[in-house]
Amino acid sequence: MTFVKDNKLMARKGKYLPLVGVLLFLMLFMMIDLDVLIIVIKKVDLTIYIAAVLLSLPILLIRAFRWQLLLIDKDIKYDFNSVFASYLIGIFIGLFTPGRAGELARVFFVTNDCGVSTGRAFPSVLIDRLFDLSVILAVGLIALIDFTADNHFSSIMAIILLVVLCSLSMIFIIHPKAKLILQNIVKWLIRNKYWAAKVSSFVDDMHQSIILLKKQTLVRSIGLTLLSYAIFFMQCFLIAMSLGLQITLVEISYALSLATLVAFLPISISGIGTRDIMLISYMASLSISTEQALGFSILFLGAFHVFAAITGLMAICVRTYIQEKPFLI
């Protein structure tokens, strides 16, 4: 009984975690010179900024197509219009949930529209998210290495070590014994036999989904992921250019990767607050003022997140009123 009460107490407290990011964001506004921030934003080059905003569309189209490839790989037939609409709605829900967990709502749309089980639909969504996370994690780690290393040789050696570790991780994942090792870890961590069996079954399904992924699908998905992030980092660079920031494409890629990783923490909504602090901290090392960094963060929020929110709302309207399909219930 005490365990159940503790869980309920933790759940109640957990509801307020996303407010931490909002509070951090408000604190930043209290600490900066608002007049300087307004001047920074007013100086934005609208032509360059609009070009950056429009790049959100190809990014979303490429990622939706990648998800469709993963669905096809599992013999799930889902037309691209429905895939794109579901992807947009998933991102829209993810914008308002801690750690963007709401994107898992895509599983519901696949199970409802294609008549497949959650077990078949879930791996495609999770693997799709893992592709994005892998790029952000890799670039973020390289950014940390480059930022903390004393010289270029140390950076190169650390990056080589990172590549080796990633390669070993992939070998471990696809190795037949990996599933047994993970299942034993689950049994050790979860003492309840019922839930341990459930999680072990989930691990088995996920492992099978990964190792049975067709080589052609894997190669195409990696290519699409790299293409989408090349466009994404260029979009961020254009936003920085529109503000006249003295920053390179590599540096802005590092900054956004670190900021995105921090935004995954379940203490904010859409990374508000956490992303801003990381951007301000990293850009300070490049002699970029707090007001300029915050101005960039606000414009980035508008270029990708607001764009995704608007297109997500449009997709919800199309799904609900034109296609007459259920939204979530």
Foldseek 3Di string as FASTA:
>chain_A
DVVVVVVVVVVVVLVQLQVLLVVLLVVLVVPDDVVVLVVLLVLFDVVLLVVLLVLLVVLLLLLLVLLCLLCVLLVQDDDSVLSSLLQLLLQLLLLFAALSPSNQLSLVSSCQVRVDDSLSSRLSSVVSVVLLLVVLVLLQVLLVQVVPDPDPVSSVVVNVVVVVVVVVVVVLLLDPCNLVVVLVVLCVVDVPPVVSVVVSVSSVSNSCSVNSRDPVSVVSSNVSSVVSVVSNLVSLVSLCVSSPHPDDSSLSSNLQSNLVVQSSGRNHRNSRSSSLVSQQVSCVVVVDHSSNSNSSVVSSCCSHVVSSNVSNVVSQCCVCPVVVHDDRD
